[in-house]
Full PDB file with SEQRES, HELIX, SHEET, SSBOND, CRYST1, ORIGX, SCALE, CONECT and MASTER records, all heavy atoms in Angstrom:
SEQRES   1 A   40  ALA LEU ALA ALA ARG LEU GLY GLY VAL ARG ALA ARG ALA          
SEQRES   2 A   40  ARG GLN GLY ALA LEU LEU ARG GLU GLY ILE ARG VAL VAL          
SEQRES   3 A   40  ILE ALA GLY GLN PRO ASN ALA GLY LYS SER SER LEU LEU          
SEQRES   4 A   40  ASN                                                          
HELIX    1 AA1 LEU A    2  GLU A   21  1                                  20    
HELIX    2 AA2 LYS A   35  LEU A   39  1                                   5    
CRYST1    1.000    1.000    1.000  90.00  90.00  90.00 P 1           1          
ORIGX1      1.000000  0.000000  0.000000        0.00000                         
ORIGX2      0.000000  1.000000  0.000000        0.00000                         
ORIGX3      0.000000  0.000000  1.000000        0.00000                         
SCALE1      1.000000  0.000000  0.000000        0.00000                         
SCALE2      0.000000  1.000000  0.000000        0.00000                         
SCALE3      0.000000  0.000000  1.000000        0.00000                         
ATOM      1  N   ALA A   1       5.874  28.620   5.928  1.00  0.00           N  
ATOM      2  CA  ALA A   1       5.008  28.428   4.763  1.00  0.00           C  
ATOM      3  C   ALA A   1       5.638  27.425   3.796  1.00  0.00           C  
ATOM      4  O   ALA A   1       4.951  26.551   3.144  1.00  0.00           O  
ATOM      5  CB  ALA A   1       4.774  29.710   4.020  1.00  0.00           C  
ATOM      6  N   LEU A   2       6.915  27.493   3.652  1.00  0.00           N  
ATOM      7  CA  LEU A   2       7.679  26.508   2.761  1.00  0.00           C  
ATOM      8  C   LEU A   2       7.533  25.117   3.301  1.00  0.00           C  
ATOM      9  O   LEU A   2       7.289  24.173   2.575  1.00  0.00           O  
ATOM     10  CB  LEU A   2       9.134  26.914   2.695  1.00  0.00           C  
ATOM     11  CG  LEU A   2      10.031  26.011   1.856  1.00  0.00           C  
ATOM     12  CD1 LEU A   2       9.565  25.966   0.413  1.00  0.00           C  
ATOM     13  CD2 LEU A   2      11.514  26.577   1.915  1.00  0.00           C  
ATOM     14  N   ALA A   3       7.645  24.924   4.628  1.00  0.00           N  
ATOM     15  CA  ALA A   3       7.536  23.595   5.201  1.00  0.00           C  
ATOM     16  C   ALA A   3       6.086  23.020   5.035  1.00  0.00           C  
ATOM     17  O   ALA A   3       5.929  21.871   4.786  1.00  0.00           O  
ATOM     18  CB  ALA A   3       7.880  23.658   6.757  1.00  0.00           C  
ATOM     19  N   ALA A   4       5.139  23.934   5.185  1.00  0.00           N  
ATOM     20  CA  ALA A   4       3.758  23.493   5.047  1.00  0.00           C  
ATOM     21  C   ALA A   4       3.491  23.044   3.571  1.00  0.00           C  
ATOM     22  O   ALA A   4       2.819  22.043   3.335  1.00  0.00           O  
ATOM     23  CB  ALA A   4       2.776  24.656   5.450  1.00  0.00           C  
ATOM     24  N   ARG A   5       3.962  23.830   2.684  1.00  0.00           N  
ATOM     25  CA  ARG A   5       3.805  23.524   1.288  1.00  0.00           C  
ATOM     26  C   ARG A   5       4.489  22.178   0.937  1.00  0.00           C  
ATOM     27  O   ARG A   5       4.014  21.317   0.222  1.00  0.00           O  
ATOM     28  CB  ARG A   5       4.318  24.584   0.334  1.00  0.00           C  
ATOM     29  CG  ARG A   5       4.049  24.338  -1.117  1.00  0.00           C  
ATOM     30  CD  ARG A   5       4.249  25.583  -1.900  1.00  0.00           C  
ATOM     31  NE  ARG A   5       3.893  25.428  -3.314  1.00  0.00           N  
ATOM     32  CZ  ARG A   5       3.838  26.385  -4.256  1.00  0.00           C  
ATOM     33  NH1 ARG A   5       4.131  27.642  -3.897  1.00  0.00           N  
ATOM     34  NH2 ARG A   5       3.450  26.125  -5.442  1.00  0.00           N  
ATOM     35  N   LEU A   6       5.658  22.000   1.527  1.00  0.00           N  
ATOM     36  CA  LEU A   6       6.421  20.786   1.314  1.00  0.00           C  
ATOM     37  C   LEU A   6       5.633  19.555   1.872  1.00  0.00           C  
ATOM     38  O   LEU A   6       5.620  18.519   1.281  1.00  0.00           O  
ATOM     39  CB  LEU A   6       7.780  20.823   1.989  1.00  0.00           C  
ATOM     40  CG  LEU A   6       8.664  19.568   2.054  1.00  0.00           C  
ATOM     41  CD1 LEU A   6       9.049  19.182   0.627  1.00  0.00           C  
ATOM     42  CD2 LEU A   6       9.854  19.749   2.942  1.00  0.00           C  
ATOM     43  N   GLY A   7       4.979  19.740   2.990  1.00  0.00           N  
ATOM     44  CA  GLY A   7       4.138  18.638   3.569  1.00  0.00           C  
ATOM     45  C   GLY A   7       3.052  18.151   2.559  1.00  0.00           C  
ATOM     46  O   GLY A   7       2.862  16.962   2.421  1.00  0.00           O  
ATOM     47  N   GLY A   8       2.439  19.123   1.865  1.00  0.00           N  
ATOM     48  CA  GLY A   8       1.459  18.790   0.880  1.00  0.00           C  
ATOM     49  C   GLY A   8       2.041  17.969  -0.267  1.00  0.00           C  
ATOM     50  O   GLY A   8       1.493  17.029  -0.761  1.00  0.00           O  
ATOM     51  N   VAL A   9       3.207  18.480  -0.763  1.00  0.00           N  
ATOM     52  CA  VAL A   9       3.898  17.777  -1.898  1.00  0.00           C  
ATOM     53  C   VAL A   9       4.281  16.343  -1.487  1.00  0.00           C  
ATOM     54  O   VAL A   9       4.150  15.404  -2.223  1.00  0.00           O  
ATOM     55  CB  VAL A   9       5.078  18.601  -2.354  1.00  0.00           C  
ATOM     56  CG1 VAL A   9       5.874  17.874  -3.447  1.00  0.00           C  
ATOM     57  CG2 VAL A   9       4.646  19.949  -2.878  1.00  0.00           C  
ATOM     58  N   ARG A  10       4.793  16.239  -0.238  1.00  0.00           N  
ATOM     59  CA  ARG A  10       5.233  14.912   0.232  1.00  0.00           C  
ATOM     60  C   ARG A  10       4.095  13.988   0.331  1.00  0.00           C  
ATOM     61  O   ARG A  10       4.157  12.792  -0.056  1.00  0.00           O  
ATOM     62  CB  ARG A  10       5.825  15.030   1.671  1.00  0.00           C  
ATOM     63  CG  ARG A  10       7.238  15.656   1.679  1.00  0.00           C  
ATOM     64  CD  ARG A  10       7.792  15.652   3.076  1.00  0.00           C  
ATOM     65  NE  ARG A  10       8.140  14.295   3.451  1.00  0.00           N  
ATOM     66  CZ  ARG A  10       8.457  13.894   4.736  1.00  0.00           C  
ATOM     67  NH1 ARG A  10       8.291  14.815   5.700  1.00  0.00           N  
ATOM     68  NH2 ARG A  10       8.784  12.713   5.032  1.00  0.00           N  
ATOM     69  N   ALA A  11       2.898  14.433   0.810  1.00  0.00           N  
ATOM     70  CA  ALA A  11       1.761  13.558   0.915  1.00  0.00           C  
ATOM     71  C   ALA A  11       1.324  13.060  -0.495  1.00  0.00           C  
ATOM     72  O   ALA A  11       1.030  11.899  -0.689  1.00  0.00           O  
ATOM     73  CB  ALA A  11       0.578  14.321   1.569  1.00  0.00           C  
ATOM     74  N   ARG A  12       1.287  13.993  -1.505  1.00  0.00           N  
ATOM     75  CA  ARG A  12       0.914  13.571  -2.818  1.00  0.00           C  
ATOM     76  C   ARG A  12       1.979  12.639  -3.381  1.00  0.00           C  
ATOM     77  O   ARG A  12       1.626  11.759  -4.177  1.00  0.00           O  
ATOM     78  CB  ARG A  12       0.635  14.798  -3.700  1.00  0.00           C  
ATOM     79  CG  ARG A  12      -0.585  15.564  -3.336  1.00  0.00           C  
ATOM     80  CD  ARG A  12      -0.988  16.603  -4.322  1.00  0.00           C  
ATOM     81  NE  ARG A  12       0.014  17.697  -4.327  1.00  0.00           N  
ATOM     82  CZ  ARG A  12      -0.083  18.761  -3.483  1.00  0.00           C  
ATOM     83  NH1 ARG A  12      -0.986  18.751  -2.545  1.00  0.00           N  
ATOM     84  NH2 ARG A  12       0.826  19.737  -3.505  1.00  0.00           N  
ATOM     85  N   ALA A  13       3.250  12.927  -3.145  1.00  0.00           N  
ATOM     86  CA  ALA A  13       4.317  12.094  -3.664  1.00  0.00           C  
ATOM     87  C   ALA A  13       4.218  10.619  -3.067  1.00  0.00           C  
ATOM     88  O   ALA A  13       4.422   9.679  -3.791  1.00  0.00           O  
ATOM     89  CB  ALA A  13       5.665  12.690  -3.329  1.00  0.00           C  
ATOM     90  N   ARG A  14       3.914  10.543  -1.784  1.00  0.00           N  
ATOM     91  CA  ARG A  14       3.711   9.215  -1.216  1.00  0.00           C  
ATOM     92  C   ARG A  14       2.586   8.452  -1.863  1.00  0.00           C  
ATOM     93  O   ARG A  14       2.720   7.289  -2.126  1.00  0.00           O  
ATOM     94  CB  ARG A  14       3.525   9.347   0.326  1.00  0.00           C  
ATOM     95  CG  ARG A  14       4.805   9.615   1.116  1.00  0.00           C  
ATOM     96  CD  ARG A  14       4.581   9.435   2.595  1.00  0.00           C  
ATOM     97  NE  ARG A  14       3.644  10.398   3.107  1.00  0.00           N  
ATOM     98  CZ  ARG A  14       4.015  11.568   3.752  1.00  0.00           C  
ATOM     99  NH1 ARG A  14       5.286  11.885   3.801  1.00  0.00           N  
ATOM    100  NH2 ARG A  14       3.147  12.393   4.164  1.00  0.00           N  
ATOM    101  N   GLN A  15       1.496   9.161  -2.106  1.00  0.00           N  
ATOM    102  CA  GLN A  15       0.373   8.509  -2.768  1.00  0.00           C  
ATOM    103  C   GLN A  15       0.731   8.095  -4.174  1.00  0.00           C  
ATOM    104  O   GLN A  15       0.408   7.059  -4.667  1.00  0.00           O  
ATOM    105  CB  GLN A  15      -0.854   9.446  -2.794  1.00  0.00           C  
ATOM    106  CG  GLN A  15      -1.367   9.840  -1.432  1.00  0.00           C  
ATOM    107  CD  GLN A  15      -1.888   8.613  -0.660  1.00  0.00           C  
ATOM    108  OE1 GLN A  15      -2.812   8.003  -1.036  1.00  0.00           O  
ATOM    109  NE2 GLN A  15      -1.167   8.251   0.400  1.00  0.00           N  
ATOM    110  N   GLY A  16       1.541   8.976  -4.863  1.00  0.00           N  
ATOM    111  CA  GLY A  16       1.951   8.688  -6.252  1.00  0.00           C  
ATOM    112  C   GLY A  16       2.879   7.489  -6.278  1.00  0.00           C  
ATOM    113  O   GLY A  16       2.859   6.672  -7.184  1.00  0.00           O  
ATOM    114  N   ALA A  17       3.809   7.404  -5.272  1.00  0.00           N  
ATOM    115  CA  ALA A  17       4.677   6.263  -5.250  1.00  0.00           C  
ATOM    116  C   ALA A  17       3.886   4.979  -4.968  1.00  0.00           C  
ATOM    117  O   ALA A  17       4.202   3.962  -5.564  1.00  0.00           O  
ATOM    118  CB  ALA A  17       5.781   6.523  -4.117  1.00  0.00           C  
ATOM    119  N   LEU A  18       2.889   5.069  -4.072  1.00  0.00           N  
ATOM    120  CA  LEU A  18       2.066   3.890  -3.818  1.00  0.00           C  
ATOM    121  C   LEU A  18       1.315   3.479  -5.091  1.00  0.00           C  
ATOM    122  O   LEU A  18       1.210   2.289  -5.410  1.00  0.00           O  
ATOM    123  CB  LEU A  18       1.039   4.242  -2.764  1.00  0.00           C  
ATOM    124  CG  LEU A  18       0.184   3.049  -2.290  1.00  0.00           C  
ATOM    125  CD1 LEU A  18       0.983   1.967  -1.672  1.00  0.00           C  
ATOM    126  CD2 LEU A  18      -0.805   3.601  -1.183  1.00  0.00           C  
ATOM    127  N   LEU A  19       0.846   4.460  -5.883  1.00  0.00           N  
ATOM    128  CA  LEU A  19       0.180   4.169  -7.100  1.00  0.00           C  
ATOM    129  C   LEU A  19       1.062   3.532  -8.105  1.00  0.00           C  
ATOM    130  O   LEU A  19       0.650   2.695  -8.921  1.00  0.00           O  
ATOM    131  CB  LEU A  19      -0.423   5.444  -7.667  1.00  0.00           C  
ATOM    132  CG  LEU A  19      -1.544   5.371  -8.746  1.00  0.00           C  
ATOM    133  CD1 LEU A  19      -2.709   4.653  -8.141  1.00  0.00           C  
ATOM    134  CD2 LEU A  19      -1.976   6.790  -9.154  1.00  0.00           C  
ATOM    135  N   ARG A  20       2.361   3.864  -8.104  1.00  0.00           N  
ATOM    136  CA  ARG A  20       3.328   3.353  -9.058  1.00  0.00           C  
ATOM    137  C   ARG A  20       3.817   1.915  -8.618  1.00  0.00           C  
ATOM    138  O   ARG A  20       3.831   0.980  -9.389  1.00  0.00           O  
ATOM    139  CB  ARG A  20       4.516   4.280  -9.143  1.00  0.00           C  
ATOM    140  CG  ARG A  20       5.609   3.688 -10.074  1.00  0.00           C  
ATOM    141  CD  ARG A  20       6.774   4.634 -10.112  1.00  0.00           C  
ATOM    142  NE  ARG A  20       7.811   4.127 -11.055  1.00  0.00           N  
ATOM    143  CZ  ARG A  20       8.758   3.266 -10.743  1.00  0.00           C  
ATOM    144  NH1 ARG A  20       8.834   2.793  -9.492  1.00  0.00           N  
ATOM    145  NH2 ARG A  20       9.629   2.839 -11.670  1.00  0.00           N  
ATOM    146  N   GLU A  21       4.167   1.825  -7.360  1.00  0.00           N  
ATOM    147  CA  GLU A  21       4.786   0.626  -6.889  1.00  0.00           C  
ATOM    148  C   GLU A  21       3.774  -0.427  -6.455  1.00  0.00           C  
ATOM    149  O   GLU A  21       4.016  -1.595  -6.571  1.00  0.00           O  
ATOM    150  CB  GLU A  21       5.708   0.897  -5.655  1.00  0.00           C  
ATOM    151  CG  GLU A  21       6.803   1.948  -5.944  1.00  0.00           C  
ATOM    152  CD  GLU A  21       7.870   1.458  -6.900  1.00  0.00           C  
ATOM    153  OE1 GLU A  21       7.932   0.236  -7.135  1.00  0.00           O  
ATOM    154  OE2 GLU A  21       8.634   2.316  -7.443  1.00  0.00           O  
ATOM    155  N   GLY A  22       2.607   0.056  -5.931  1.00  0.00           N  
ATOM    156  CA  GLY A  22       1.621  -0.911  -5.418  1.00  0.00           C  
ATOM    157  C   GLY A  22       2.152  -1.424  -4.017  1.00  0.00           C  
ATOM    158  O   GLY A  22       3.135  -0.959  -3.543  1.00  0.00           O  
ATOM    159  N   ILE A  23       1.418  -2.390  -3.496  1.00  0.00           N  
ATOM    160  CA  ILE A  23       1.819  -2.974  -2.217  1.00  0.00           C  
ATOM    161  C   ILE A  23       1.834  -4.516  -2.346  1.00  0.00           C  
ATOM    162  O   ILE A  23       1.100  -5.086  -3.051  1.00  0.00           O  
ATOM    163  CB  ILE A  23       0.952  -2.548  -1.017  1.00  0.00           C  
ATOM    164  CG1 ILE A  23      -0.542  -2.998  -1.285  1.00  0.00           C  
ATOM    165  CG2 ILE A  23       0.989  -1.060  -0.769  1.00  0.00           C  
ATOM    166  CD1 ILE A  23      -1.392  -2.772  -0.074  1.00  0.00           C  
ATOM    167  N   ARG A  24       2.797  -5.123  -1.631  1.00  0.00           N  
ATOM    168  CA  ARG A  24       2.951  -6.538  -1.629  1.00  0.00           C  
ATOM    169  C   ARG A  24       2.116  -7.094  -0.482  1.00  0.00           C  
ATOM    170  O   ARG A  24       2.468  -6.852   0.714  1.00  0.00           O  
ATOM    171  CB  ARG A  24       4.396  -6.974  -1.550  1.00  0.00           C  
ATOM    172  CG  ARG A  24       5.224  -6.549  -2.751  1.00  0.00           C  
ATOM    173  CD  ARG A  24       6.669  -6.656  -2.502  1.00  0.00           C  
ATOM    174  NE  ARG A  24       7.050  -5.647  -1.444  1.00  0.00           N  
ATOM    175  CZ  ARG A  24       8.260  -5.554  -0.959  1.00  0.00           C  
ATOM    176  NH1 ARG A  24       9.196  -6.359  -1.273  1.00  0.00           N  
ATOM    177  NH2 ARG A  24       8.461  -4.663   0.038  1.00  0.00           N  
ATOM    178  N   VAL A  25       1.094  -7.867  -0.735  1.00  0.00           N  
ATOM    179  CA  VAL A  25       0.271  -8.406   0.296  1.00  0.00           C  
ATOM    180  C   VAL A  25       0.402  -9.957   0.314  1.00  0.00           C  
ATOM    181  O   VAL A  25       0.322 -10.573  -0.740  1.00  0.00           O  
ATOM    182  CB  VAL A  25      -1.241  -8.070   0.017  1.00  0.00           C  
ATOM    183  CG1 VAL A  25      -2.131  -8.719   1.108  1.00  0.00           C  
ATOM    184  CG2 VAL A  25      -1.399  -6.547   0.035  1.00  0.00           C  
ATOM    185  N   VAL A  26       0.650 -10.478   1.478  1.00  0.00           N  
ATOM    186  CA  VAL A  26       0.807 -11.935   1.558  1.00  0.00           C  
ATOM    187  C   VAL A  26      -0.390 -12.507   2.365  1.00  0.00           C  
ATOM    188  O   VAL A  26      -0.641 -11.988   3.477  1.00  0.00           O  
ATOM    189  CB  VAL A  26       2.155 -12.320   2.278  1.00  0.00           C  
ATOM    190  CG1 VAL A  26       2.224 -13.804   2.530  1.00  0.00           C  
ATOM    191  CG2 VAL A  26       3.306 -11.954   1.385  1.00  0.00           C  
ATOM    192  N   ILE A  27      -0.966 -13.592   1.861  1.00  0.00           N  
ATOM    193  CA  ILE A  27      -2.082 -14.232   2.624  1.00  0.00           C  
ATOM    194  C   ILE A  27      -1.411 -15.405   3.326  1.00  0.00           C  
ATOM    195  O   ILE A  27      -0.831 -16.307   2.717  1.00  0.00           O  
ATOM    196  CB  ILE A  27      -3.152 -14.749   1.704  1.00  0.00           C  
ATOM    197  CG1 ILE A  27      -3.757 -13.630   0.857  1.00  0.00           C  
ATOM    198  CG2 ILE A  27      -4.328 -15.433   2.516  1.00  0.00           C  
ATOM    199  CD1 ILE A  27      -4.751 -14.105  -0.237  1.00  0.00           C  
ATOM    200  N   ALA A  28      -1.517 -15.361   4.688  1.00  0.00           N  
ATOM    201  CA  ALA A  28      -0.817 -16.413   5.511  1.00  0.00           C  
ATOM    202  C   ALA A  28      -1.791 -17.035   6.476  1.00  0.00           C  
ATOM    203  O   ALA A  28      -2.813 -16.429   6.823  1.00  0.00           O  
ATOM    204  CB  ALA A  28       0.347 -15.797   6.230  1.00  0.00           C  
ATOM    205  N   GLY A  29      -1.455 -18.264   6.870  1.00  0.00           N  
ATOM    206  CA  GLY A  29      -2.355 -18.937   7.831  1.00  0.00           C  
ATOM    207  C   GLY A  29      -2.102 -20.432   7.772  1.00  0.00           C  
ATOM    208  O   GLY A  29      -1.289 -20.917   7.022  1.00  0.00           O  
ATOM    209  N   GLN A  30      -2.873 -21.163   8.571  1.00  0.00           N  
ATOM    210  CA  GLN A  30      -2.712 -22.576   8.602  1.00  0.00           C  
ATOM    211  C   GLN A  30      -3.314 -23.220   7.309  1.00  0.00           C  
ATOM    212  O   GLN A  30      -4.120 -22.540   6.638  1.00  0.00           O  
ATOM    213  CB  GLN A  30      -3.464 -23.134   9.840  1.00  0.00           C  
ATOM    214  CG  GLN A  30      -2.846 -22.693  11.161  1.00  0.00           C  
ATOM    215  CD  GLN A  30      -3.527 -23.421  12.297  1.00  0.00           C  
ATOM    216  OE1 GLN A  30      -3.499 -24.646  12.380  1.00  0.00           O  
ATOM    217  NE2 GLN A  30      -4.084 -22.654  13.264  1.00  0.00           N  
ATOM    218  N   PRO A  31      -2.980 -24.485   7.096  1.00  0.00           N  
ATOM    219  CA  PRO A  31      -3.614 -25.157   5.945  1.00  0.00           C  
ATOM    220  C   PRO A  31      -5.136 -25.216   6.068  1.00  0.00           C  
ATOM    221  O   PRO A  31      -5.691 -25.340   7.196  1.00  0.00           O  
ATOM    222  CB  PRO A  31      -3.026 -26.594   6.040  1.00  0.00           C  
ATOM    223  CG  PRO A  31      -1.743 -26.421   6.761  1.00  0.00           C  
ATOM    224  CD  PRO A  31      -1.980 -25.311   7.777  1.00  0.00           C  
ATOM    225  N   ASN A  32      -5.824 -25.090   4.931  1.00  0.00           N  
ATOM    226  CA  ASN A  32      -7.239 -25.196   4.915  1.00  0.00           C  
ATOM    227  C   ASN A  32      -7.996 -24.048   5.547  1.00  0.00           C  
ATOM    228  O   ASN A  32      -9.209 -24.097   5.805  1.00  0.00           O  
ATOM    229  CB  ASN A  32      -7.827 -26.516   5.509  1.00  0.00           C  
ATOM    230  CG  ASN A  32      -7.811 -27.641   4.451  1.00  0.00           C  
ATOM    231  OD1 ASN A  32      -7.476 -27.457   3.281  1.00  0.00           O  
ATOM    232  ND2 ASN A  32      -8.181 -28.816   4.883  1.00  0.00           N  
ATOM    233  N   ALA A  33      -7.280 -22.951   5.773  1.00  0.00           N  
ATOM    234  CA  ALA A  33      -7.957 -21.734   6.362  1.00  0.00           C  
ATOM    235  C   ALA A  33      -8.717 -21.002   5.242  1.00  0.00           C  
ATOM    236  O   ALA A  33      -9.567 -20.090   5.549  1.00  0.00           O  
ATOM    237  CB  ALA A  33      -6.935 -20.788   6.993  1.00  0.00           C  
ATOM    238  N   GLY A  34      -8.466 -21.325   3.947  1.00  0.00           N  
ATOM    239  CA  GLY A  34      -9.105 -20.695   2.819  1.00  0.00           C  
ATOM    240  C   GLY A  34      -8.261 -19.653   2.161  1.00  0.00           C  
ATOM    241  O   GLY A  34      -8.877 -18.738   1.502  1.00  0.00           O  
ATOM    242  N   LYS A  35      -7.001 -19.805   2.201  1.00  0.00           N  
ATOM    243  CA  LYS A  35      -6.092 -18.787   1.618  1.00  0.00           C  
ATOM    244  C   LYS A  35      -6.255 -18.678   0.061  1.00  0.00           C  
ATOM    245  O   LYS A  35      -6.368 -17.629  -0.502  1.00  0.00           O  
ATOM    246  CB  LYS A  35      -4.659 -19.054   1.956  1.00  0.00           C  
ATOM    247  CG  LYS A  35      -4.296 -19.000   3.476  1.00  0.00           C  
ATOM    248  CD  LYS A  35      -2.875 -19.256   3.799  1.00  0.00           C  
ATOM    249  CE  LYS A  35      -2.472 -20.617   3.399  1.00  0.00           C  
ATOM    250  NZ  LYS A  35      -3.155 -21.702   4.129  1.00  0.00           N  
ATOM    251  N   SER A  36      -6.307 -19.788  -0.553  1.00  0.00           N  
ATOM    252  CA  SER A  36      -6.438 -19.852  -2.051  1.00  0.00           C  
ATOM    253  C   SER A  36      -7.839 -19.383  -2.436  1.00  0.00           C  
ATOM    254  O   SER A  36      -7.939 -18.673  -3.474  1.00  0.00           O  
ATOM    255  CB  SER A  36      -6.232 -21.327  -2.584  1.00  0.00           C  
ATOM    256  OG  SER A  36      -4.919 -21.762  -2.290  1.00  0.00           O  
ATOM    257  N   SER A  37      -8.833 -19.675  -1.682  1.00  0.00           N  
ATOM    258  CA  SER A  37     -10.183 -19.168  -1.944  1.00  0.00           C  
ATOM    259  C   SER A  37     -10.214 -17.646  -1.791  1.00  0.00           C  
ATOM    260  O   SER A  37     -10.872 -16.977  -2.594  1.00  0.00           O  
ATOM    261  CB  SER A  37     -11.179 -19.779  -1.029  1.00  0.00           C  
ATOM    262  OG  SER A  37     -11.263 -21.196  -1.210  1.00  0.00           O  
ATOM    263  N   LEU A  38      -9.490 -17.101  -0.818  1.00  0.00           N  
ATOM    264  CA  LEU A  38      -9.423 -15.690  -0.614  1.00  0.00           C  
ATOM    265  C   LEU A  38      -8.703 -14.975  -1.813  1.00  0.00           C  
ATOM    266  O   LEU A  38      -9.173 -13.947  -2.360  1.00  0.00           O  
ATOM    267  CB  LEU A  38      -8.767 -15.286   0.644  1.00  0.00           C  
ATOM    268  CG  LEU A  38      -8.605 -13.866   0.966  1.00  0.00           C  
ATOM    269  CD1 LEU A  38      -9.914 -13.108   0.891  1.00  0.00           C  
ATOM    270  CD2 LEU A  38      -7.912 -13.633   2.326  1.00  0.00           C  
ATOM    271  N   LEU A  39      -7.592 -15.579  -2.290  1.00  0.00           N  
ATOM    272  CA  LEU A  39      -6.936 -15.068  -3.427  1.00  0.00           C  
ATOM    273  C   LEU A  39      -7.869 -15.013  -4.672  1.00  0.00           C  
ATOM    274  O   LEU A  39      -7.967 -13.974  -5.345  1.00  0.00           O  
ATOM    275  CB  LEU A  39      -5.746 -15.880  -3.814  1.00  0.00           C  
ATOM    276  CG  LEU A  39      -4.992 -15.543  -5.140  1.00  0.00           C  
ATOM    277  CD1 LEU A  39      -4.443 -14.092  -5.060  1.00  0.00           C  
ATOM    278  CD2 LEU A  39      -3.848 -16.519  -5.395  1.00  0.00           C  
ATOM    279  N   ASN A  40      -8.606 -16.095  -4.878  1.00  0.00           N  
ATOM    280  CA  ASN A  40      -9.516 -16.122  -6.020  1.00  0.00           C  
ATOM    281  C   ASN A  40     -10.657 -15.094  -5.849  1.00  0.00           C  
ATOM    282  O   ASN A  40     -11.063 -14.401  -6.812  1.00  0.00           O  
ATOM    283  CB  ASN A  40     -10.184 -17.545  -6.122  1.00  0.00           C  
ATOM    284  CG  ASN A  40      -9.163 -18.610  -6.457  1.00  0.00           C  
ATOM    285  OD1 ASN A  40      -8.044 -18.278  -7.024  1.00  0.00           O  
ATOM    286  ND2 ASN A  40      -9.470 -19.839  -6.267  1.00  0.00           N  
TER     287      ASN A  40                                                      
MASTER        0    0    0    2    0    0    0    6  286    1    0    4          
END                                                                             
């Protein structure tokens, strides 16, 4: 029961960490693929 409860806390903590830190997304590709347009 303790392990199961811990699993729920870990799941919420991971979501909370994602909400705090965010994610680093890089747009990559060849020239003129539209990377700047996608950022906009």
